[in-house]
N, C-alpha and C. Protein backbone atom coordinates (compact mmCIF):
# COMPACT_ATOMS: atom_id res chain seq x y z
N MET A 1 -23.94 -195.04 189.44
CA MET A 1 -23.77 -196.42 189.88
C MET A 1 -22.32 -196.76 190.14
N VAL A 2 -21.43 -196.24 189.30
CA VAL A 2 -20.00 -196.52 189.48
C VAL A 2 -19.49 -195.88 190.77
N SER A 3 -19.83 -194.62 190.98
CA SER A 3 -19.31 -193.90 192.16
C SER A 3 -19.89 -194.47 193.45
N VAL A 4 -21.19 -194.71 193.49
CA VAL A 4 -21.82 -195.22 194.70
C VAL A 4 -21.37 -196.65 194.98
N GLY A 5 -21.33 -197.49 193.95
CA GLY A 5 -20.90 -198.87 194.14
C GLY A 5 -19.47 -198.96 194.63
N HIS A 6 -18.58 -198.17 194.04
CA HIS A 6 -17.18 -198.17 194.46
C HIS A 6 -17.05 -197.68 195.90
N THR A 7 -17.79 -196.63 196.25
CA THR A 7 -17.70 -196.07 197.60
C THR A 7 -18.17 -197.07 198.64
N ILE A 8 -19.28 -197.76 198.38
CA ILE A 8 -19.79 -198.75 199.34
C ILE A 8 -18.78 -199.86 199.56
N LEU A 9 -18.19 -200.36 198.48
CA LEU A 9 -17.22 -201.44 198.61
C LEU A 9 -15.96 -200.99 199.35
N VAL A 10 -15.51 -199.76 199.10
CA VAL A 10 -14.34 -199.24 199.81
C VAL A 10 -14.62 -199.15 201.31
N LEU A 11 -15.81 -198.69 201.68
CA LEU A 11 -16.16 -198.58 203.10
C LEU A 11 -16.20 -199.96 203.76
N ILE A 12 -16.77 -200.95 203.08
CA ILE A 12 -16.87 -202.29 203.65
C ILE A 12 -15.49 -202.91 203.82
N VAL A 13 -14.68 -202.88 202.77
CA VAL A 13 -13.35 -203.50 202.82
C VAL A 13 -12.46 -202.77 203.82
N SER A 14 -12.48 -201.46 203.82
CA SER A 14 -11.63 -200.68 204.72
C SER A 14 -12.02 -200.90 206.17
N ALA A 15 -13.33 -200.94 206.46
CA ALA A 15 -13.78 -201.13 207.84
C ALA A 15 -13.38 -202.50 208.37
N LEU A 16 -13.58 -203.54 207.57
CA LEU A 16 -13.23 -204.89 208.02
C LEU A 16 -11.73 -205.04 208.23
N ALA A 17 -10.94 -204.54 207.28
CA ALA A 17 -9.49 -204.66 207.40
C ALA A 17 -8.96 -203.80 208.55
N ALA A 18 -9.50 -202.59 208.70
CA ALA A 18 -9.03 -201.71 209.76
C ALA A 18 -9.34 -202.27 211.14
N TYR A 19 -10.50 -202.90 211.29
CA TYR A 19 -10.84 -203.50 212.58
C TYR A 19 -9.88 -204.64 212.91
N ALA A 20 -9.52 -205.42 211.90
CA ALA A 20 -8.58 -206.52 212.13
C ALA A 20 -7.22 -205.98 212.56
N PHE A 21 -6.75 -204.93 211.91
CA PHE A 21 -5.44 -204.37 212.26
C PHE A 21 -5.47 -203.64 213.59
N ALA A 22 -6.60 -203.05 213.93
CA ALA A 22 -6.66 -202.25 215.15
C ALA A 22 -6.93 -203.08 216.40
N ARG A 23 -7.68 -204.18 216.27
CA ARG A 23 -8.18 -204.88 217.46
C ARG A 23 -7.79 -206.35 217.57
N ILE A 24 -7.53 -207.00 216.45
CA ILE A 24 -7.29 -208.45 216.49
C ILE A 24 -5.79 -208.72 216.44
N PRO A 25 -5.22 -209.34 217.46
CA PRO A 25 -3.79 -209.67 217.42
C PRO A 25 -3.53 -210.89 216.55
N PHE A 26 -2.57 -210.79 215.66
CA PHE A 26 -2.15 -211.95 214.86
C PHE A 26 -0.70 -211.75 214.45
N ARG A 27 -0.05 -212.84 214.12
CA ARG A 27 1.38 -212.82 213.82
C ARG A 27 1.64 -212.05 212.51
N GLY A 28 2.63 -211.18 212.54
CA GLY A 28 3.01 -210.42 211.35
C GLY A 28 2.11 -209.24 211.06
N LYS A 29 1.32 -208.81 212.03
CA LYS A 29 0.36 -207.73 211.79
C LYS A 29 1.07 -206.43 211.41
N GLY A 30 2.14 -206.11 212.12
CA GLY A 30 2.84 -204.86 211.83
C GLY A 30 3.43 -204.83 210.43
N LEU A 31 4.06 -205.92 210.02
CA LEU A 31 4.65 -205.98 208.69
C LEU A 31 3.58 -205.93 207.61
N LEU A 32 2.51 -206.65 207.84
CA LEU A 32 1.42 -206.65 206.86
C LEU A 32 0.78 -205.28 206.74
N PHE A 33 0.67 -204.57 207.86
CA PHE A 33 0.10 -203.22 207.83
C PHE A 33 1.00 -202.27 207.04
N LEU A 34 2.30 -202.40 207.23
CA LEU A 34 3.24 -201.56 206.47
C LEU A 34 3.17 -201.87 204.97
N LEU A 35 3.04 -203.15 204.63
CA LEU A 35 2.92 -203.51 203.22
C LEU A 35 1.63 -202.95 202.62
N ALA A 36 0.55 -202.96 203.40
CA ALA A 36 -0.71 -202.40 202.91
C ALA A 36 -0.59 -200.89 202.69
N LEU A 37 0.08 -200.21 203.63
CA LEU A 37 0.24 -198.77 203.50
C LEU A 37 1.23 -198.40 202.40
N ALA A 38 2.09 -199.35 202.02
CA ALA A 38 3.03 -199.08 200.93
C ALA A 38 2.29 -198.77 199.63
N GLY A 39 1.03 -199.19 199.55
CA GLY A 39 0.23 -198.86 198.37
C GLY A 39 0.03 -197.37 198.18
N LEU A 40 0.18 -196.59 199.26
CA LEU A 40 0.07 -195.14 199.13
C LEU A 40 1.21 -194.55 198.31
N MET A 41 2.34 -195.27 198.27
CA MET A 41 3.51 -194.76 197.55
C MET A 41 3.52 -195.18 196.08
N VAL A 42 2.60 -196.06 195.69
CA VAL A 42 2.55 -196.53 194.31
C VAL A 42 1.56 -195.67 193.53
N PRO A 43 2.01 -194.97 192.52
CA PRO A 43 1.06 -194.17 191.73
C PRO A 43 0.05 -195.05 191.02
N LEU A 44 -1.16 -194.56 190.93
CA LEU A 44 -2.24 -195.35 190.33
C LEU A 44 -1.92 -195.73 188.89
N GLN A 45 -1.26 -194.82 188.18
CA GLN A 45 -0.97 -195.08 186.77
C GLN A 45 -0.03 -196.26 186.59
N ALA A 46 0.80 -196.56 187.61
CA ALA A 46 1.73 -197.68 187.50
C ALA A 46 1.02 -199.02 187.54
N THR A 47 -0.22 -199.04 187.99
CA THR A 47 -0.97 -200.30 188.10
C THR A 47 -1.91 -200.51 186.92
N PHE A 48 -1.96 -199.59 185.98
CA PHE A 48 -2.94 -199.68 184.91
C PHE A 48 -2.72 -200.89 184.00
N ILE A 49 -1.46 -201.18 183.67
CA ILE A 49 -1.19 -202.29 182.75
C ILE A 49 -1.62 -203.63 183.34
N PRO A 50 -1.18 -203.99 184.58
CA PRO A 50 -1.67 -205.28 185.12
C PRO A 50 -3.17 -205.32 185.33
N ILE A 51 -3.77 -204.20 185.76
CA ILE A 51 -5.23 -204.19 185.94
C ILE A 51 -5.93 -204.33 184.60
N TYR A 52 -5.42 -203.66 183.59
CA TYR A 52 -6.02 -203.76 182.26
C TYR A 52 -5.96 -205.19 181.74
N LEU A 53 -4.79 -205.83 181.91
CA LEU A 53 -4.65 -207.21 181.45
C LEU A 53 -5.56 -208.15 182.24
N MET A 54 -5.70 -207.89 183.54
CA MET A 54 -6.59 -208.72 184.35
C MET A 54 -8.04 -208.59 183.89
N MET A 55 -8.48 -207.36 183.66
CA MET A 55 -9.85 -207.15 183.21
C MET A 55 -10.07 -207.72 181.81
N ALA A 56 -9.06 -207.65 180.95
CA ALA A 56 -9.18 -208.22 179.61
C ALA A 56 -9.28 -209.74 179.69
N HIS A 57 -8.51 -210.34 180.61
CA HIS A 57 -8.57 -211.79 180.76
C HIS A 57 -9.94 -212.24 181.26
N LEU A 58 -10.56 -211.42 182.12
CA LEU A 58 -11.88 -211.75 182.64
C LEU A 58 -13.01 -211.29 181.72
N HIS A 59 -12.65 -210.61 180.62
CA HIS A 59 -13.64 -210.06 179.68
C HIS A 59 -14.59 -209.09 180.39
N TRP A 60 -14.01 -208.23 181.23
CA TRP A 60 -14.81 -207.29 182.01
C TRP A 60 -14.75 -205.86 181.50
N HIS A 61 -13.97 -205.59 180.48
CA HIS A 61 -13.93 -204.22 179.97
C HIS A 61 -15.31 -203.83 179.43
N ASN A 62 -15.64 -202.55 179.57
CA ASN A 62 -16.96 -202.02 179.21
C ASN A 62 -18.07 -202.60 180.07
N THR A 63 -17.72 -202.94 181.32
CA THR A 63 -18.72 -203.41 182.29
C THR A 63 -18.56 -202.60 183.58
N TYR A 64 -19.57 -202.70 184.44
CA TYR A 64 -19.49 -202.03 185.72
C TYR A 64 -18.39 -202.61 186.61
N GLN A 65 -18.12 -203.91 186.48
CA GLN A 65 -17.09 -204.52 187.32
C GLN A 65 -15.73 -203.86 187.08
N ALA A 66 -15.40 -203.60 185.82
CA ALA A 66 -14.10 -203.01 185.50
C ALA A 66 -13.98 -201.59 186.01
N LEU A 67 -15.09 -200.88 186.10
CA LEU A 67 -15.06 -199.50 186.57
C LEU A 67 -15.13 -199.39 188.09
N ILE A 68 -15.74 -200.38 188.74
CA ILE A 68 -15.97 -200.30 190.19
C ILE A 68 -14.87 -200.98 191.00
N LEU A 69 -14.45 -202.18 190.59
CA LEU A 69 -13.59 -202.99 191.45
C LEU A 69 -12.15 -202.48 191.61
N PRO A 70 -11.48 -201.98 190.57
CA PRO A 70 -10.11 -201.49 190.80
C PRO A 70 -10.06 -200.37 191.83
N GLY A 71 -9.17 -200.52 192.79
CA GLY A 71 -9.03 -199.50 193.83
C GLY A 71 -9.91 -199.69 195.03
N VAL A 72 -10.65 -200.80 195.09
CA VAL A 72 -11.52 -201.04 196.25
C VAL A 72 -10.68 -201.23 197.52
N ALA A 73 -9.54 -201.89 197.40
CA ALA A 73 -8.64 -202.03 198.55
C ALA A 73 -7.82 -200.75 198.68
N ALA A 74 -8.38 -199.76 199.37
CA ALA A 74 -7.80 -198.42 199.44
C ALA A 74 -6.89 -198.28 200.65
N PRO A 75 -5.58 -198.07 200.45
CA PRO A 75 -4.67 -197.91 201.59
C PRO A 75 -5.02 -196.70 202.47
N PHE A 76 -5.51 -195.61 201.85
CA PHE A 76 -5.86 -194.43 202.65
C PHE A 76 -7.02 -194.73 203.58
N GLY A 77 -8.03 -195.44 203.07
CA GLY A 77 -9.16 -195.80 203.92
C GLY A 77 -8.75 -196.73 205.04
N LEU A 78 -7.85 -197.65 204.75
CA LEU A 78 -7.35 -198.56 205.78
C LEU A 78 -6.62 -197.78 206.87
N PHE A 79 -5.76 -196.84 206.47
CA PHE A 79 -5.01 -196.05 207.45
C PHE A 79 -5.93 -195.18 208.30
N LEU A 80 -6.87 -194.50 207.64
CA LEU A 80 -7.77 -193.60 208.36
C LEU A 80 -8.60 -194.34 209.40
N LEU A 81 -9.22 -195.45 209.01
CA LEU A 81 -10.10 -196.17 209.92
C LEU A 81 -9.31 -196.93 210.98
N THR A 82 -8.11 -197.40 210.65
CA THR A 82 -7.30 -198.08 211.66
C THR A 82 -6.93 -197.13 212.79
N GLN A 83 -6.53 -195.93 212.45
CA GLN A 83 -6.19 -194.95 213.49
C GLN A 83 -7.41 -194.58 214.32
N LEU A 84 -8.56 -194.49 213.68
CA LEU A 84 -9.78 -194.16 214.42
C LEU A 84 -10.17 -195.29 215.36
N PHE A 85 -10.14 -196.53 214.88
CA PHE A 85 -10.53 -197.67 215.71
C PHE A 85 -9.59 -197.82 216.90
N LYS A 86 -8.31 -197.48 216.72
CA LYS A 86 -7.37 -197.55 217.83
C LYS A 86 -7.68 -196.49 218.88
N ALA A 87 -8.28 -195.37 218.44
CA ALA A 87 -8.58 -194.29 219.37
C ALA A 87 -9.84 -194.57 220.19
N ILE A 88 -10.68 -195.49 219.75
CA ILE A 88 -11.88 -195.84 220.52
C ILE A 88 -11.47 -196.63 221.75
N PRO A 89 -11.94 -196.27 222.93
CA PRO A 89 -11.53 -196.98 224.16
C PRO A 89 -11.81 -198.47 224.09
N ALA A 90 -10.81 -199.25 224.48
CA ALA A 90 -10.95 -200.71 224.45
C ALA A 90 -11.93 -201.21 225.51
N ASP A 91 -12.22 -200.39 226.54
CA ASP A 91 -13.15 -200.82 227.59
C ASP A 91 -14.54 -201.14 227.02
N ILE A 92 -14.95 -200.39 226.01
CA ILE A 92 -16.26 -200.61 225.40
C ILE A 92 -16.31 -202.00 224.79
N GLU A 93 -15.27 -202.35 224.06
CA GLU A 93 -15.23 -203.66 223.41
C GLU A 93 -15.10 -204.79 224.43
N GLU A 94 -14.30 -204.58 225.47
CA GLU A 94 -14.14 -205.61 226.50
C GLU A 94 -15.45 -205.88 227.22
N ALA A 95 -16.22 -204.82 227.48
CA ALA A 95 -17.52 -205.01 228.14
C ALA A 95 -18.46 -205.82 227.26
N ALA A 96 -18.43 -205.56 225.96
CA ALA A 96 -19.29 -206.32 225.04
C ALA A 96 -18.85 -207.78 224.97
N MET A 97 -17.55 -208.03 225.02
CA MET A 97 -17.05 -209.40 224.99
C MET A 97 -17.46 -210.17 226.25
N LEU A 98 -17.47 -209.47 227.37
CA LEU A 98 -17.91 -210.12 228.61
C LEU A 98 -19.38 -210.53 228.54
N ASP A 99 -20.14 -209.79 227.77
CA ASP A 99 -21.56 -210.13 227.58
C ASP A 99 -21.75 -211.20 226.51
N GLY A 100 -20.65 -211.67 225.91
CA GLY A 100 -20.73 -212.74 224.93
C GLY A 100 -20.92 -212.31 223.50
N ALA A 101 -20.69 -211.04 223.21
CA ALA A 101 -20.87 -210.56 221.84
C ALA A 101 -19.66 -210.97 220.99
N PRO A 102 -19.89 -211.54 219.80
CA PRO A 102 -18.78 -211.86 218.90
C PRO A 102 -18.20 -210.60 218.27
N ARG A 103 -17.04 -210.75 217.64
CA ARG A 103 -16.34 -209.58 217.10
C ARG A 103 -17.14 -208.88 216.00
N LEU A 104 -17.82 -209.65 215.17
CA LEU A 104 -18.60 -209.02 214.09
C LEU A 104 -19.74 -208.18 214.65
N THR A 105 -20.37 -208.66 215.71
CA THR A 105 -21.43 -207.88 216.36
C THR A 105 -20.86 -206.62 216.98
N ILE A 106 -19.70 -206.73 217.60
CA ILE A 106 -19.06 -205.56 218.20
C ILE A 106 -18.75 -204.52 217.13
N LEU A 107 -18.25 -205.00 215.99
CA LEU A 107 -17.93 -204.07 214.90
C LEU A 107 -19.18 -203.38 214.38
N MET A 108 -20.25 -204.16 214.16
CA MET A 108 -21.45 -203.60 213.55
C MET A 108 -22.25 -202.71 214.50
N ARG A 109 -22.30 -203.08 215.80
CA ARG A 109 -23.19 -202.37 216.73
C ARG A 109 -22.48 -201.38 217.64
N LEU A 110 -21.15 -201.47 217.72
CA LEU A 110 -20.42 -200.54 218.59
C LEU A 110 -19.43 -199.68 217.83
N ILE A 111 -18.51 -200.32 217.11
CA ILE A 111 -17.42 -199.58 216.48
C ILE A 111 -17.92 -198.71 215.34
N LEU A 112 -18.70 -199.28 214.43
CA LEU A 112 -19.15 -198.51 213.27
C LEU A 112 -20.07 -197.35 213.64
N PRO A 113 -21.04 -197.52 214.57
CA PRO A 113 -21.84 -196.34 214.95
C PRO A 113 -21.00 -195.21 215.55
N LEU A 114 -19.95 -195.55 216.27
CA LEU A 114 -19.06 -194.52 216.80
C LEU A 114 -18.19 -193.89 215.73
N SER A 115 -18.11 -194.53 214.57
CA SER A 115 -17.21 -194.08 213.52
C SER A 115 -17.94 -193.42 212.35
N VAL A 116 -19.20 -193.10 212.53
CA VAL A 116 -19.98 -192.54 211.42
C VAL A 116 -19.34 -191.28 210.82
N PRO A 117 -18.83 -190.32 211.60
CA PRO A 117 -18.20 -189.14 210.97
C PRO A 117 -17.00 -189.50 210.10
N ALA A 118 -16.16 -190.41 210.59
CA ALA A 118 -14.98 -190.81 209.79
C ALA A 118 -15.39 -191.60 208.57
N LEU A 119 -16.39 -192.47 208.70
CA LEU A 119 -16.89 -193.21 207.55
C LEU A 119 -17.49 -192.27 206.51
N THR A 120 -18.18 -191.23 206.99
CA THR A 120 -18.73 -190.24 206.07
C THR A 120 -17.62 -189.50 205.33
N THR A 121 -16.58 -189.16 206.06
CA THR A 121 -15.44 -188.47 205.45
C THR A 121 -14.79 -189.34 204.38
N LEU A 122 -14.53 -190.58 204.72
CA LEU A 122 -13.92 -191.51 203.76
C LEU A 122 -14.84 -191.73 202.57
N GLY A 123 -16.14 -191.89 202.83
CA GLY A 123 -17.08 -192.09 201.74
C GLY A 123 -17.15 -190.90 200.81
N LEU A 124 -17.12 -189.69 201.38
CA LEU A 124 -17.19 -188.49 200.56
C LEU A 124 -15.94 -188.32 199.71
N ILE A 125 -14.78 -188.53 200.32
CA ILE A 125 -13.52 -188.42 199.57
C ILE A 125 -13.47 -189.46 198.45
N THR A 126 -13.90 -190.67 198.76
CA THR A 126 -13.90 -191.73 197.75
C THR A 126 -14.88 -191.43 196.63
N PHE A 127 -16.08 -190.98 196.99
CA PHE A 127 -17.10 -190.67 195.99
C PHE A 127 -16.62 -189.58 195.04
N LEU A 128 -16.06 -188.50 195.60
CA LEU A 128 -15.59 -187.40 194.75
C LEU A 128 -14.44 -187.85 193.86
N GLY A 129 -13.56 -188.69 194.42
CA GLY A 129 -12.42 -189.14 193.63
C GLY A 129 -12.83 -190.00 192.45
N ILE A 130 -13.76 -190.93 192.68
CA ILE A 130 -14.17 -191.82 191.59
C ILE A 130 -15.08 -191.09 190.62
N TRP A 131 -15.85 -190.11 191.09
CA TRP A 131 -16.71 -189.34 190.20
C TRP A 131 -15.87 -188.52 189.21
N ASN A 132 -14.75 -187.97 189.69
CA ASN A 132 -13.91 -187.12 188.85
C ASN A 132 -12.84 -187.90 188.10
N ASP A 133 -12.78 -189.22 188.28
CA ASP A 133 -11.76 -190.01 187.61
C ASP A 133 -12.00 -190.04 186.11
N VAL A 134 -10.96 -189.79 185.36
CA VAL A 134 -11.06 -189.75 183.90
C VAL A 134 -10.21 -190.84 183.25
N LEU A 135 -8.99 -191.03 183.77
CA LEU A 135 -8.01 -191.85 183.06
C LEU A 135 -8.43 -193.32 182.95
N TRP A 136 -8.80 -193.94 184.10
CA TRP A 136 -9.16 -195.36 184.02
C TRP A 136 -10.45 -195.60 183.23
N PRO A 137 -11.53 -194.83 183.44
CA PRO A 137 -12.72 -195.03 182.58
C PRO A 137 -12.42 -194.79 181.10
N LEU A 138 -11.48 -193.89 180.81
CA LEU A 138 -11.13 -193.64 179.42
C LEU A 138 -10.44 -194.85 178.80
N ILE A 139 -9.67 -195.59 179.62
CA ILE A 139 -8.95 -196.76 179.13
C ILE A 139 -9.88 -197.97 179.04
N SER A 140 -10.69 -198.18 180.08
CA SER A 140 -11.48 -199.41 180.18
C SER A 140 -12.80 -199.34 179.43
N ALA A 141 -13.46 -198.20 179.48
CA ALA A 141 -14.79 -198.06 178.86
C ALA A 141 -14.64 -197.43 177.48
N THR A 142 -14.65 -198.25 176.46
CA THR A 142 -14.48 -197.75 175.09
C THR A 142 -15.81 -197.60 174.36
N LYS A 143 -16.87 -198.22 174.88
CA LYS A 143 -18.18 -198.10 174.25
C LYS A 143 -18.94 -196.93 174.87
N PRO A 144 -19.70 -196.19 174.09
CA PRO A 144 -20.41 -195.02 174.63
C PRO A 144 -21.36 -195.35 175.78
N GLU A 145 -22.01 -196.51 175.72
CA GLU A 145 -22.96 -196.85 176.78
C GLU A 145 -22.27 -197.21 178.08
N SER A 146 -20.96 -197.44 178.06
CA SER A 146 -20.22 -197.80 179.27
C SER A 146 -19.43 -196.64 179.85
N GLN A 147 -19.37 -195.53 179.14
CA GLN A 147 -18.52 -194.42 179.58
C GLN A 147 -19.18 -193.62 180.69
N THR A 148 -18.35 -193.14 181.60
CA THR A 148 -18.83 -192.28 182.67
C THR A 148 -18.98 -190.86 182.15
N ILE A 149 -19.57 -190.00 182.97
CA ILE A 149 -19.86 -188.64 182.51
C ILE A 149 -18.58 -187.82 182.30
N THR A 150 -17.54 -188.13 183.08
CA THR A 150 -16.29 -187.38 182.91
C THR A 150 -15.61 -187.73 181.59
N VAL A 151 -15.88 -188.91 181.06
CA VAL A 151 -15.34 -189.29 179.76
C VAL A 151 -16.26 -188.79 178.65
N GLY A 152 -17.56 -188.80 178.90
CA GLY A 152 -18.52 -188.40 177.87
C GLY A 152 -18.53 -186.90 177.59
N LEU A 153 -18.27 -186.08 178.61
CA LEU A 153 -18.32 -184.63 178.42
C LEU A 153 -17.34 -184.13 177.35
N PRO A 154 -16.08 -184.55 177.38
CA PRO A 154 -15.17 -184.06 176.33
C PRO A 154 -15.56 -184.48 174.92
N LEU A 155 -16.35 -185.54 174.79
CA LEU A 155 -16.76 -185.99 173.46
C LEU A 155 -17.73 -185.02 172.81
N LEU A 156 -18.36 -184.15 173.63
CA LEU A 156 -19.27 -183.15 173.07
C LEU A 156 -18.54 -181.98 172.45
N ILE A 157 -17.23 -181.89 172.73
CA ILE A 157 -16.43 -180.79 172.21
C ILE A 157 -15.74 -181.26 170.93
N GLY A 158 -15.89 -180.50 169.87
CA GLY A 158 -15.30 -180.88 168.59
C GLY A 158 -13.85 -180.48 168.46
N ASP A 159 -13.35 -180.49 167.26
CA ASP A 159 -11.97 -180.10 166.99
C ASP A 159 -11.76 -178.62 167.29
N TYR A 160 -10.59 -178.31 167.79
CA TYR A 160 -10.19 -176.94 168.10
C TYR A 160 -11.11 -176.28 169.12
N GLY A 161 -11.74 -177.09 169.97
CA GLY A 161 -12.57 -176.54 171.03
C GLY A 161 -13.93 -176.07 170.61
N THR A 162 -14.34 -176.37 169.39
CA THR A 162 -15.66 -175.94 168.94
C THR A 162 -16.76 -176.82 169.55
N VAL A 163 -17.90 -176.22 169.79
CA VAL A 163 -19.04 -176.93 170.37
C VAL A 163 -20.22 -176.79 169.43
N ALA A 164 -20.65 -177.93 168.89
CA ALA A 164 -21.75 -177.89 167.93
C ALA A 164 -23.08 -177.60 168.62
N TYR A 165 -23.28 -178.21 169.80
CA TYR A 165 -24.54 -178.03 170.52
C TYR A 165 -24.22 -177.46 171.90
N LEU A 166 -24.19 -176.12 171.98
CA LEU A 166 -23.79 -175.46 173.21
C LEU A 166 -24.75 -175.77 174.36
N GLY A 167 -26.05 -175.72 174.09
CA GLY A 167 -27.02 -176.01 175.14
C GLY A 167 -26.89 -177.41 175.70
N GLN A 168 -26.67 -178.38 174.83
CA GLN A 168 -26.49 -179.77 175.26
C GLN A 168 -25.23 -179.91 176.10
N SER A 169 -24.17 -179.24 175.70
CA SER A 169 -22.91 -179.31 176.45
C SER A 169 -23.04 -178.69 177.82
N LEU A 170 -23.71 -177.55 177.92
CA LEU A 170 -23.89 -176.90 179.21
C LEU A 170 -24.78 -177.73 180.13
N ALA A 171 -25.84 -178.33 179.57
CA ALA A 171 -26.71 -179.19 180.37
C ALA A 171 -25.94 -180.40 180.90
N ALA A 172 -25.10 -180.98 180.04
CA ALA A 172 -24.30 -182.12 180.47
C ALA A 172 -23.30 -181.72 181.55
N ALA A 173 -22.72 -180.53 181.45
CA ALA A 173 -21.80 -180.05 182.47
C ALA A 173 -22.50 -179.88 183.82
N TRP A 174 -23.74 -179.38 183.79
CA TRP A 174 -24.51 -179.24 185.03
C TRP A 174 -24.84 -180.60 185.62
N VAL A 175 -25.19 -181.55 184.77
CA VAL A 175 -25.47 -182.90 185.26
C VAL A 175 -24.23 -183.49 185.94
N GLY A 176 -23.06 -183.18 185.41
CA GLY A 176 -21.83 -183.69 186.01
C GLY A 176 -21.40 -182.96 187.26
N GLY A 177 -21.79 -181.69 187.40
CA GLY A 177 -21.32 -180.90 188.53
C GLY A 177 -22.27 -180.79 189.70
N VAL A 178 -23.57 -180.75 189.43
CA VAL A 178 -24.55 -180.56 190.50
C VAL A 178 -24.54 -181.67 191.55
N PRO A 179 -24.50 -182.95 191.18
CA PRO A 179 -24.48 -183.99 192.22
C PRO A 179 -23.30 -183.86 193.18
N VAL A 180 -22.14 -183.49 192.67
CA VAL A 180 -20.97 -183.34 193.53
C VAL A 180 -21.18 -182.19 194.51
N MET A 181 -21.71 -181.08 194.02
CA MET A 181 -21.95 -179.93 194.91
C MET A 181 -23.00 -180.27 195.97
N VAL A 182 -24.05 -180.96 195.57
CA VAL A 182 -25.10 -181.33 196.52
C VAL A 182 -24.56 -182.26 197.60
N VAL A 183 -23.81 -183.28 197.19
CA VAL A 183 -23.24 -184.22 198.16
C VAL A 183 -22.31 -183.50 199.12
N PHE A 184 -21.48 -182.61 198.60
CA PHE A 184 -20.55 -181.90 199.48
C PHE A 184 -21.28 -181.00 200.46
N MET A 185 -22.30 -180.29 200.00
CA MET A 185 -23.03 -179.39 200.90
C MET A 185 -23.78 -180.17 201.98
N LEU A 186 -24.31 -181.33 201.62
CA LEU A 186 -25.05 -182.13 202.60
C LEU A 186 -24.15 -182.70 203.68
N PHE A 187 -22.93 -183.08 203.32
CA PHE A 187 -22.04 -183.75 204.26
C PHE A 187 -20.86 -182.88 204.69
N GLN A 188 -20.98 -181.59 204.49
CA GLN A 188 -19.87 -180.68 204.79
C GLN A 188 -19.51 -180.70 206.27
N ARG A 189 -20.51 -180.64 207.15
CA ARG A 189 -20.23 -180.63 208.59
C ARG A 189 -19.64 -181.95 209.04
N ARG A 190 -20.17 -183.05 208.53
CA ARG A 190 -19.63 -184.36 208.89
C ARG A 190 -18.20 -184.52 208.41
N LEU A 191 -17.88 -183.92 207.26
CA LEU A 191 -16.52 -183.99 206.73
C LEU A 191 -15.55 -183.30 207.67
N ILE A 192 -15.91 -182.11 208.13
CA ILE A 192 -15.04 -181.37 209.05
C ILE A 192 -14.91 -182.09 210.37
N ARG A 193 -16.03 -182.63 210.88
CA ARG A 193 -15.98 -183.37 212.14
C ARG A 193 -15.18 -184.66 212.01
N GLY A 194 -15.31 -185.31 210.86
CA GLY A 194 -14.60 -186.57 210.66
C GLY A 194 -13.11 -186.40 210.60
N MET A 195 -12.64 -185.24 210.15
CA MET A 195 -11.20 -185.00 210.07
C MET A 195 -10.58 -184.87 211.46
N SER A 196 -11.39 -184.50 212.46
CA SER A 196 -10.86 -184.32 213.82
C SER A 196 -11.47 -185.30 214.80
N ILE A 197 -12.01 -186.42 214.31
CA ILE A 197 -12.73 -187.34 215.18
C ILE A 197 -11.80 -188.01 216.16
N GLY A 198 -10.51 -188.11 215.86
CA GLY A 198 -9.59 -188.76 216.77
C GLY A 198 -9.46 -188.04 218.10
N ASP A 199 -9.76 -186.74 218.11
CA ASP A 199 -9.66 -185.96 219.35
C ASP A 199 -10.87 -186.18 220.25
N THR A 200 -11.92 -186.86 219.72
CA THR A 200 -13.16 -187.01 220.49
C THR A 200 -13.02 -188.07 221.58
N PHE A 201 -12.29 -189.14 221.29
CA PHE A 201 -12.22 -190.27 222.22
C PHE A 201 -11.12 -190.05 223.26
């Protein structure tokens, strides 16, 4: 739930913001885009204290909101989709505007269908990243029922690396690893195509 929910929100926010930066003219767009991309230079660990305090103020620790919402505004997703949307010929959008289509319709029915490989790539990268994340769930989710599998697996290992229930630990490791392998194998071709989608248009 954490990985899928976070991935869906990243795709929605990144697509909407990227379309605005790529297609909609407004004052200060270039400066705002640079400020958004500056987030790529800020290490995630540097934001933990303000995010932790924010979640504590909202009483969201040990909830899905605290695990899903941080990082939804992804600078990498914004950069990737903005470059892709700029590569799509503007003639397609102009023809739709002449037919009276609003911008949201153009985004949903023209831009996004043409961007499926790149969206798949971004979704896969985001899903794998949040699935393997350990540090933030370790800080925010302190109750066993709220912990993700990457936090729960080390709890099965005792002191000095001893494992009391080897079968249980191996089964848990498979539960944590198999979904990632399945997702990667299913979307492997789309991932490779999405990395070079800019050359298509």
